[in-house]
């Protein structure tokens, strides 16, 4: 899924990496895709989001660096993020 969608990295953040994660929690991820045009990137992100929701069997909130605007959310992401996929090495880290 990550290779097909040319994922550069995936970070999990928020409750998905904290002890307060529970059965009803969603999964928060920050992703970036390797360089491609906007239409291709949009399709890749939609396919990735759908695949992650199927994999985790729960809602996934998928964010990109470009979509981050809220300074409080940026701080939360930076404080809690854990690298779970490294596209440069095609390595899953969890």
N, C-alpha and C. Protein backbone atom coordinates (compact mmCIF):
# COMPACT_ATOMS: atom_id res chain seq x y z
N UNK A 1 0.83 -1.19 0.00
CA UNK A 1 0.00 0.00 0.00
C UNK A 1 0.88 1.26 0.00
N UNK A 2 1.89 1.28 0.85
CA UNK A 2 2.75 2.47 0.92
C UNK A 2 3.59 2.62 -0.34
N UNK A 3 4.12 1.52 -0.83
CA UNK A 3 4.93 1.59 -2.06
C UNK A 3 4.06 2.01 -3.24
N UNK A 4 2.87 1.42 -3.35
CA UNK A 4 1.96 1.73 -4.47
C UNK A 4 1.60 3.22 -4.50
N UNK A 5 1.45 3.82 -3.31
CA UNK A 5 1.05 5.23 -3.22
C UNK A 5 2.23 6.18 -3.03
N UNK A 6 3.44 5.64 -3.22
CA UNK A 6 4.66 6.45 -3.18
C UNK A 6 4.77 7.28 -1.90
N UNK A 7 4.56 6.61 -0.77
CA UNK A 7 4.61 7.27 0.53
C UNK A 7 6.05 7.54 0.93
N UNK A 8 6.34 8.77 1.32
CA UNK A 8 7.67 9.15 1.80
C UNK A 8 7.82 8.79 3.28
N UNK A 9 6.77 9.06 4.06
CA UNK A 9 6.77 8.68 5.48
C UNK A 9 5.35 8.70 6.02
N UNK A 10 5.19 7.99 7.14
CA UNK A 10 3.96 8.05 7.93
C UNK A 10 4.37 8.18 9.38
N UNK A 11 3.84 9.18 10.04
CA UNK A 11 3.98 9.33 11.48
C UNK A 11 2.62 9.12 12.11
N UNK A 12 2.56 8.38 13.21
CA UNK A 12 1.36 8.33 14.04
C UNK A 12 1.54 9.39 15.11
N UNK A 13 0.44 10.00 15.56
CA UNK A 13 0.54 11.02 16.60
C UNK A 13 -0.74 11.05 17.41
N UNK A 14 -0.74 11.87 18.45
CA UNK A 14 -1.94 12.04 19.27
C UNK A 14 -2.24 10.81 20.10
N UNK A 15 -3.54 10.54 20.31
CA UNK A 15 -3.93 9.44 21.20
C UNK A 15 -3.49 8.09 20.66
N UNK A 16 -3.25 7.98 19.36
CA UNK A 16 -2.84 6.69 18.81
C UNK A 16 -1.46 6.25 19.27
N UNK A 17 -0.68 7.14 19.86
CA UNK A 17 0.64 6.77 20.39
C UNK A 17 0.75 7.02 21.89
N UNK A 18 -0.37 7.36 22.50
CA UNK A 18 -0.37 7.60 23.95
C UNK A 18 -1.09 6.47 24.67
N UNK A 19 -0.94 6.45 25.98
CA UNK A 19 -1.57 5.42 26.80
C UNK A 19 -3.08 5.55 26.86
N UNK A 20 -3.65 6.71 26.51
CA UNK A 20 -5.10 6.87 26.56
C UNK A 20 -5.80 6.38 25.29
N UNK A 21 -5.08 5.71 24.39
CA UNK A 21 -5.70 5.10 23.20
C UNK A 21 -6.64 3.99 23.66
N UNK A 22 -7.84 3.95 23.11
CA UNK A 22 -8.82 2.94 23.53
C UNK A 22 -9.57 2.40 22.32
N UNK A 23 -10.48 1.48 22.56
CA UNK A 23 -11.18 0.77 21.48
C UNK A 23 -11.94 1.71 20.54
N UNK A 24 -12.39 2.85 21.03
CA UNK A 24 -13.16 3.79 20.21
C UNK A 24 -12.30 4.89 19.59
N UNK A 25 -11.00 4.88 19.85
CA UNK A 25 -10.12 5.93 19.33
C UNK A 25 -9.94 5.79 17.82
N UNK A 26 -9.74 6.93 17.17
CA UNK A 26 -9.33 6.88 15.78
C UNK A 26 -7.81 6.86 15.74
N UNK A 27 -7.26 6.72 14.56
CA UNK A 27 -5.81 6.72 14.38
C UNK A 27 -5.45 8.02 13.66
N UNK A 28 -4.56 8.78 14.26
CA UNK A 28 -4.11 10.05 13.68
C UNK A 28 -2.76 9.83 13.01
N UNK A 29 -2.67 10.18 11.73
CA UNK A 29 -1.41 10.01 11.01
C UNK A 29 -1.07 11.27 10.23
N UNK A 30 0.22 11.52 10.15
CA UNK A 30 0.77 12.58 9.32
C UNK A 30 1.55 11.88 8.22
N UNK A 31 1.24 12.18 6.98
CA UNK A 31 1.89 11.48 5.87
C UNK A 31 2.43 12.48 4.85
N UNK A 32 3.38 12.00 4.08
CA UNK A 32 3.85 12.75 2.92
C UNK A 32 4.09 11.74 1.81
N UNK A 33 3.80 12.15 0.60
CA UNK A 33 4.06 11.30 -0.56
C UNK A 33 5.24 11.87 -1.33
N UNK A 34 5.90 11.00 -2.06
CA UNK A 34 7.03 11.42 -2.87
C UNK A 34 6.53 12.35 -3.97
N UNK A 35 7.41 13.18 -4.54
CA UNK A 35 6.98 14.18 -5.52
C UNK A 35 6.15 13.60 -6.66
N UNK A 36 5.01 14.24 -6.91
CA UNK A 36 4.12 13.91 -8.03
C UNK A 36 3.21 15.11 -8.22
N UNK A 37 2.45 15.13 -9.30
CA UNK A 37 1.56 16.28 -9.50
C UNK A 37 0.39 16.22 -8.50
N UNK A 38 -0.31 17.33 -8.35
CA UNK A 38 -1.37 17.44 -7.34
C UNK A 38 -2.47 16.41 -7.52
N UNK A 39 -2.85 16.14 -8.76
CA UNK A 39 -3.91 15.16 -9.02
C UNK A 39 -3.48 13.76 -8.59
N UNK A 40 -2.25 13.39 -8.93
CA UNK A 40 -1.73 12.08 -8.52
C UNK A 40 -1.61 12.01 -7.00
N UNK A 41 -1.13 13.08 -6.38
CA UNK A 41 -0.98 13.09 -4.92
C UNK A 41 -2.33 12.94 -4.24
N UNK A 42 -3.34 13.63 -4.75
CA UNK A 42 -4.68 13.52 -4.18
C UNK A 42 -5.21 12.10 -4.26
N UNK A 43 -5.03 11.46 -5.41
CA UNK A 43 -5.45 10.07 -5.57
C UNK A 43 -4.69 9.14 -4.65
N UNK A 44 -3.38 9.37 -4.53
CA UNK A 44 -2.56 8.53 -3.65
C UNK A 44 -3.00 8.67 -2.20
N UNK A 45 -3.27 9.90 -1.77
CA UNK A 45 -3.69 10.12 -0.38
C UNK A 45 -5.05 9.49 -0.09
N UNK A 46 -5.97 9.58 -1.04
CA UNK A 46 -7.28 8.95 -0.85
C UNK A 46 -7.16 7.43 -0.78
N UNK A 47 -6.34 6.86 -1.66
CA UNK A 47 -6.14 5.42 -1.64
C UNK A 47 -5.46 4.98 -0.34
N UNK A 48 -4.48 5.75 0.10
CA UNK A 48 -3.80 5.44 1.36
C UNK A 48 -4.76 5.53 2.53
N UNK A 49 -5.55 6.59 2.60
CA UNK A 49 -6.53 6.75 3.69
C UNK A 49 -7.48 5.56 3.74
N UNK A 50 -8.01 5.17 2.58
CA UNK A 50 -8.92 4.03 2.52
C UNK A 50 -8.22 2.75 2.98
N UNK A 51 -7.01 2.53 2.53
CA UNK A 51 -6.25 1.34 2.92
C UNK A 51 -5.94 1.31 4.40
N UNK A 52 -5.60 2.46 4.98
CA UNK A 52 -5.31 2.52 6.42
C UNK A 52 -6.57 2.24 7.24
N UNK A 53 -7.71 2.78 6.82
CA UNK A 53 -8.95 2.50 7.55
C UNK A 53 -9.31 1.02 7.48
N UNK A 54 -9.09 0.39 6.36
CA UNK A 54 -9.34 -1.05 6.25
C UNK A 54 -8.36 -1.83 7.12
N UNK A 55 -7.10 -1.44 7.11
CA UNK A 55 -6.08 -2.14 7.88
C UNK A 55 -6.35 -2.04 9.38
N UNK A 56 -6.61 -0.82 9.86
CA UNK A 56 -6.81 -0.61 11.29
C UNK A 56 -8.23 -0.94 11.76
N UNK A 57 -9.16 -1.05 10.82
CA UNK A 57 -10.56 -1.32 11.16
C UNK A 57 -11.13 -0.27 12.11
N UNK A 58 -10.79 0.97 11.82
CA UNK A 58 -11.26 2.11 12.60
C UNK A 58 -11.02 3.37 11.79
N UNK A 59 -11.66 4.48 12.17
CA UNK A 59 -11.45 5.73 11.44
C UNK A 59 -10.00 6.21 11.52
N UNK A 60 -9.53 6.78 10.44
CA UNK A 60 -8.18 7.34 10.36
C UNK A 60 -8.30 8.81 9.99
N UNK A 61 -7.64 9.66 10.78
CA UNK A 61 -7.50 11.08 10.44
C UNK A 61 -6.14 11.23 9.78
N UNK A 62 -6.15 11.50 8.49
CA UNK A 62 -4.92 11.59 7.72
C UNK A 62 -4.63 13.06 7.42
N UNK A 63 -3.48 13.52 7.88
CA UNK A 63 -3.05 14.89 7.65
C UNK A 63 -1.76 14.89 6.84
N UNK A 64 -1.53 16.00 6.15
CA UNK A 64 -0.26 16.21 5.46
C UNK A 64 0.38 17.47 6.03
N UNK A 65 1.66 17.63 5.80
CA UNK A 65 2.35 18.85 6.25
C UNK A 65 1.66 20.09 5.68
N UNK A 66 1.25 20.01 4.42
CA UNK A 66 0.60 21.16 3.77
C UNK A 66 -0.73 21.51 4.41
N UNK A 67 -1.40 20.52 5.00
CA UNK A 67 -2.72 20.78 5.59
C UNK A 67 -2.64 21.34 7.00
N UNK A 68 -1.48 21.28 7.62
CA UNK A 68 -1.34 21.77 9.00
C UNK A 68 -1.29 23.29 9.02
N UNK A 69 -2.24 23.89 9.73
CA UNK A 69 -2.29 25.35 9.86
C UNK A 69 -2.40 25.79 11.32
N UNK A 70 -3.12 25.00 12.11
CA UNK A 70 -3.39 25.34 13.50
C UNK A 70 -2.12 25.16 14.34
N UNK A 71 -1.62 26.22 14.98
CA UNK A 71 -0.38 26.10 15.74
C UNK A 71 -0.47 25.12 16.91
N UNK A 72 -1.66 24.96 17.50
CA UNK A 72 -1.82 24.01 18.60
C UNK A 72 -1.73 22.57 18.08
N UNK A 73 -2.32 22.33 16.93
CA UNK A 73 -2.24 21.00 16.32
C UNK A 73 -0.81 20.71 15.89
N UNK A 74 -0.14 21.68 15.32
CA UNK A 74 1.26 21.50 14.92
C UNK A 74 2.10 21.13 16.13
N UNK A 75 1.88 21.82 17.24
CA UNK A 75 2.63 21.52 18.47
C UNK A 75 2.34 20.10 18.96
N UNK A 76 1.07 19.68 18.90
CA UNK A 76 0.69 18.32 19.32
C UNK A 76 1.35 17.27 18.43
N UNK A 77 1.34 17.52 17.14
CA UNK A 77 1.97 16.58 16.21
C UNK A 77 3.46 16.48 16.52
N UNK A 78 4.13 17.60 16.64
CA UNK A 78 5.58 17.60 16.89
C UNK A 78 5.92 16.96 18.23
N UNK A 79 5.08 17.14 19.21
CA UNK A 79 5.34 16.61 20.55
C UNK A 79 5.14 15.09 20.62
N UNK A 80 4.18 14.55 19.87
CA UNK A 80 3.81 13.15 20.06
C UNK A 80 4.14 12.23 18.88
N UNK A 81 4.57 12.76 17.75
CA UNK A 81 4.70 11.92 16.56
C UNK A 81 5.76 10.83 16.71
N UNK A 82 5.41 9.66 16.13
CA UNK A 82 6.30 8.50 16.09
C UNK A 82 6.34 7.99 14.65
N UNK A 83 7.54 7.86 14.13
CA UNK A 83 7.69 7.37 12.76
C UNK A 83 7.27 5.91 12.69
N UNK A 84 6.32 5.59 11.80
CA UNK A 84 5.86 4.21 11.65
C UNK A 84 6.19 3.63 10.28
N UNK A 85 6.45 4.49 9.30
CA UNK A 85 6.87 4.00 7.98
C UNK A 85 7.87 4.97 7.38
N UNK A 86 8.99 4.42 6.93
CA UNK A 86 10.05 5.20 6.28
C UNK A 86 10.13 4.76 4.82
N UNK A 87 9.63 5.59 3.93
CA UNK A 87 9.61 5.26 2.51
C UNK A 87 10.98 5.18 1.87
N UNK A 88 11.96 5.90 2.40
CA UNK A 88 13.30 5.85 1.83
C UNK A 88 13.89 4.45 1.97
N UNK A 89 13.58 3.81 3.09
CA UNK A 89 14.07 2.44 3.32
C UNK A 89 12.99 1.39 3.09
N UNK A 90 11.77 1.86 2.74
CA UNK A 90 10.62 0.98 2.61
C UNK A 90 10.52 0.08 3.83
N UNK A 91 10.54 0.71 5.00
CA UNK A 91 10.58 -0.03 6.25
C UNK A 91 9.44 0.40 7.16
N UNK A 92 8.71 -0.60 7.66
CA UNK A 92 7.68 -0.37 8.67
C UNK A 92 8.37 -0.47 10.02
N UNK A 93 8.16 0.52 10.88
CA UNK A 93 8.92 0.60 12.12
C UNK A 93 8.13 0.21 13.36
N UNK A 94 6.92 -0.32 13.18
CA UNK A 94 6.13 -0.77 14.34
C UNK A 94 5.71 -2.21 14.16
